[in-house]
Protein backbone atom coordinates (compact mmCIF):
# COMPACT_ATOMS: atom_id res chain seq x y z
CA UNK A 1 36.34 143.17 167.39
CA UNK A 2 36.97 141.33 164.14
CA UNK A 3 37.99 137.71 164.26
CA UNK A 4 41.49 136.59 163.42
CA UNK A 5 41.97 136.26 159.66
CA UNK A 6 41.88 132.79 158.22
CA UNK A 7 44.98 131.23 156.70
CA UNK A 8 43.37 131.66 153.28
CA UNK A 9 42.75 135.39 153.82
CA UNK A 10 46.29 135.85 155.08
CA UNK A 11 47.79 134.03 152.09
CA UNK A 12 46.31 136.68 149.76
CA UNK A 13 48.21 139.51 151.47
CA UNK A 14 51.76 140.74 151.15
CA UNK A 15 54.06 140.12 154.11
CA UNK A 16 57.78 140.27 154.97
CA UNK A 17 58.47 137.15 152.91
CA UNK A 18 56.80 138.53 149.76
CA UNK A 19 58.72 141.78 150.14
CA UNK A 20 62.05 139.95 150.50
CA UNK A 21 61.17 137.65 147.59
CA UNK A 22 60.95 140.72 145.34
CA UNK A 23 64.39 142.02 146.32
CA UNK A 24 66.87 142.18 143.46
CA UNK A 25 70.48 141.06 143.89
CA UNK A 26 72.80 142.96 146.21
CA UNK A 27 74.74 145.67 144.41
CA UNK A 28 72.33 145.75 141.45
CA UNK A 29 70.80 149.13 142.32
CA UNK A 30 72.55 152.49 142.15
CA UNK A 31 70.98 154.20 145.16
CA UNK A 32 71.56 153.06 148.74
CA UNK A 33 70.04 154.23 152.00
CA UNK A 34 70.11 153.31 155.66
CA UNK A 35 66.85 152.57 157.46
CA UNK A 36 67.23 152.80 161.22
CA UNK A 37 64.47 151.12 163.20
CA UNK A 38 64.23 152.48 166.72
CA UNK A 39 65.71 155.59 168.31
CA UNK A 40 67.85 156.86 165.41
CA UNK A 41 68.32 160.29 167.01
CA UNK A 42 69.57 158.80 170.31
CA UNK A 43 67.40 161.21 172.30
CA UNK A 44 65.45 158.50 174.10
CA UNK A 45 66.46 154.94 174.87
CA UNK A 46 69.23 155.08 172.25
CA UNK A 47 68.53 151.64 170.82
CA UNK A 48 68.27 151.20 167.06
CA UNK A 49 69.05 148.66 164.38
CA UNK A 50 70.04 149.96 160.98
CA UNK A 51 69.32 148.13 157.75
CA UNK A 52 70.86 149.04 154.41
CA UNK A 53 68.75 148.87 151.27
CA UNK A 54 69.37 149.59 147.63
CA UNK A 55 66.77 151.25 145.42
CA UNK A 56 66.27 151.97 141.75
CA UNK A 57 65.46 155.60 142.59
CA UNK A 58 67.22 158.18 144.78
CA UNK A 59 66.34 158.80 148.43
CA UNK A 60 64.18 161.82 147.53
CA UNK A 61 61.91 159.52 145.48
CA UNK A 62 61.63 157.06 148.38
CA UNK A 63 60.67 159.90 150.73
CA UNK A 64 58.14 161.19 148.19
CA UNK A 65 56.67 157.69 147.82
CA UNK A 66 56.36 157.35 151.60
CA UNK A 67 54.56 160.69 151.78
CA UNK A 68 52.21 159.74 148.92
CA UNK A 69 51.35 156.47 150.67
CA UNK A 70 50.78 158.36 153.92
CA UNK A 71 48.17 160.54 152.17
CA UNK A 72 46.56 157.54 150.48
CA UNK A 73 46.37 155.08 153.40
CA UNK A 74 44.73 155.44 156.84
CA UNK A 75 46.84 156.89 159.66
CA UNK A 76 46.81 153.54 161.52
CA UNK A 77 48.78 151.98 158.65
CA UNK A 78 51.66 154.45 158.73
CA UNK A 79 54.89 152.74 159.81
CA UNK A 80 55.64 155.74 162.03
CA UNK A 81 52.43 155.08 163.98
CA UNK A 82 52.89 151.41 164.87
CA UNK A 83 55.29 150.51 167.71
CA UNK A 84 55.72 154.26 168.16
CA UNK A 85 56.31 154.73 171.87
CA UNK A 86 58.98 153.32 174.16
CA UNK A 87 58.28 149.63 174.86
CA UNK A 88 55.21 149.81 172.58
CA UNK A 89 55.49 146.30 171.20
CA UNK A 90 51.76 145.63 170.75
CA UNK A 91 49.50 146.02 167.75
CA UNK A 92 46.03 147.35 168.29
CA UNK A 93 43.31 145.43 166.48
CA UNK A 94 42.50 148.66 164.64
CA UNK A 95 46.08 149.07 163.40
CA UNK A 96 46.47 145.39 162.48
CA UNK A 97 43.23 145.26 160.48
CA UNK A 98 43.87 148.63 158.82
CA UNK A 99 47.22 147.30 157.62
CA UNK A 100 45.64 143.97 156.68
CA UNK A 101 42.84 145.66 154.74
CA UNK A 102 45.44 147.79 152.92
CA UNK A 103 46.99 144.55 151.64
CA UNK A 104 49.71 143.56 154.12
CA UNK A 105 49.66 140.92 156.85
CA UNK A 106 52.15 141.98 159.49
CA UNK A 107 51.46 138.75 161.40
CA UNK A 108 51.47 136.34 158.47
CA UNK A 109 53.64 133.86 160.38
CA UNK A 110 50.98 133.54 163.08
CA UNK A 111 48.35 132.83 160.42
CA UNK A 112 50.11 130.04 158.54
CA UNK A 113 48.24 126.74 158.92
CA UNK A 114 51.18 124.88 160.51
CA UNK A 115 51.84 127.67 163.01
CA UNK A 116 48.17 127.93 163.89
CA UNK A 117 48.04 124.19 164.56
CA UNK A 118 51.28 124.23 166.57
CA UNK A 119 50.14 127.13 168.73
CA UNK A 120 46.72 125.56 169.27
CA UNK A 121 48.40 122.36 170.49
CA UNK A 122 51.03 124.10 172.65
CA UNK A 123 49.06 127.15 173.84
CA UNK A 124 45.38 126.16 173.66
CA UNK A 125 44.28 129.18 175.74
CA UNK A 126 45.99 131.75 173.50
CA UNK A 127 43.55 134.32 172.18
CA UNK A 128 43.75 136.70 169.23
CA UNK A 129 44.01 139.57 171.75
CA UNK A 130 47.12 137.97 173.28
CA UNK A 131 48.70 137.51 169.84
CA UNK A 132 48.11 141.21 169.11
CA UNK A 133 49.51 142.20 172.51
CA UNK A 134 52.69 140.15 171.99
CA UNK A 135 53.06 139.96 168.19
CA UNK A 136 56.81 139.26 168.13
CA UNK A 137 57.41 141.47 165.09
CA UNK A 138 61.12 141.54 164.35
CA UNK A 139 62.87 144.76 163.42
CA UNK A 140 63.64 143.50 159.92
CA UNK A 141 59.98 142.60 159.43
CA UNK A 142 59.03 146.19 160.25
CA UNK A 143 61.68 147.41 157.79
CA UNK A 144 60.07 145.23 155.11
CA UNK A 145 56.72 146.78 155.95
CA UNK A 146 58.22 150.26 155.48
CA UNK A 147 59.45 149.25 152.01
CA UNK A 148 56.03 147.85 151.12
CA UNK A 149 54.41 151.05 152.39
CA UNK A 150 56.69 153.13 150.14
CA UNK A 151 55.69 150.97 147.19
CA UNK A 152 52.06 151.89 147.83
CA UNK A 153 53.08 155.47 147.02
CA UNK A 154 55.26 154.46 144.05
CA UNK A 155 54.78 150.92 142.72
CA UNK A 156 57.84 151.35 140.48
CA UNK A 157 60.22 151.30 143.46
CA UNK A 158 62.51 148.27 143.45
CA UNK A 159 64.60 147.36 146.48
CA UNK A 160 67.55 145.20 147.40
CA UNK A 161 68.94 144.28 150.77
CA UNK A 162 72.51 145.48 151.03
CA UNK A 163 75.32 144.53 153.34
CA UNK A 164 76.28 147.20 155.87
CA UNK A 165 79.75 148.52 155.31
CA UNK A 166 82.47 148.08 157.89
CA UNK A 167 83.50 150.91 160.17
CA UNK A 168 87.08 152.15 160.14
CA UNK A 169 86.95 152.70 163.91
CA UNK A 170 85.29 150.20 166.22
CA UNK A 171 85.13 146.45 166.64
CA UNK A 172 85.55 145.59 162.96
CA UNK A 173 88.39 147.99 162.17
CA UNK A 174 90.89 149.97 164.18
CA UNK A 175 90.11 149.57 167.85
CA UNK A 176 90.95 153.17 168.56
CA UNK A 177 88.77 156.18 169.25
CA UNK A 178 88.67 159.06 166.84
CA UNK A 179 87.01 162.33 167.88
CA UNK A 180 85.80 160.99 171.21
CA UNK A 181 86.54 164.30 172.92
CA UNK A 182 84.30 166.22 170.53
CA UNK A 183 81.27 164.85 172.35
CA UNK A 184 80.88 166.22 175.79
């Protein structure tokens, strides 16, 4: 197995912070889309977190860019292949290094010099295998990876992070049910 990347190698890769740094201002882009991370169809564990992004191109162009990137990059790099199964929170070394070699460090935070030093002092027995098994990738970080992946298919894509809109029915609006009986 390959050794853990050095801080210097990691610094040369894109990561969630570089993706967010390139976001334009909220509301600046005409096209908006939701990106659910998790079980969007609610046919499994039913847990998902939805992020809202703006884009300079319509949804069809984002889908096309994703598909172009999927043809261009190895299967292990596809966002739909990592963390794919229920409670699959680990990264295989093959997947991590395929993504890393493609230009993205999904675990950049673990590779920063200060974090490396802190973990070495607090968890001296921690191995690279353990870090890959328990990578602590947040849902938003995976969403940033999806955006980066799309940009590999179309480098002209520009994104913004948008604020989710409020719901008319539910905790933020009317606390009544509407259409509840239609599901049964």
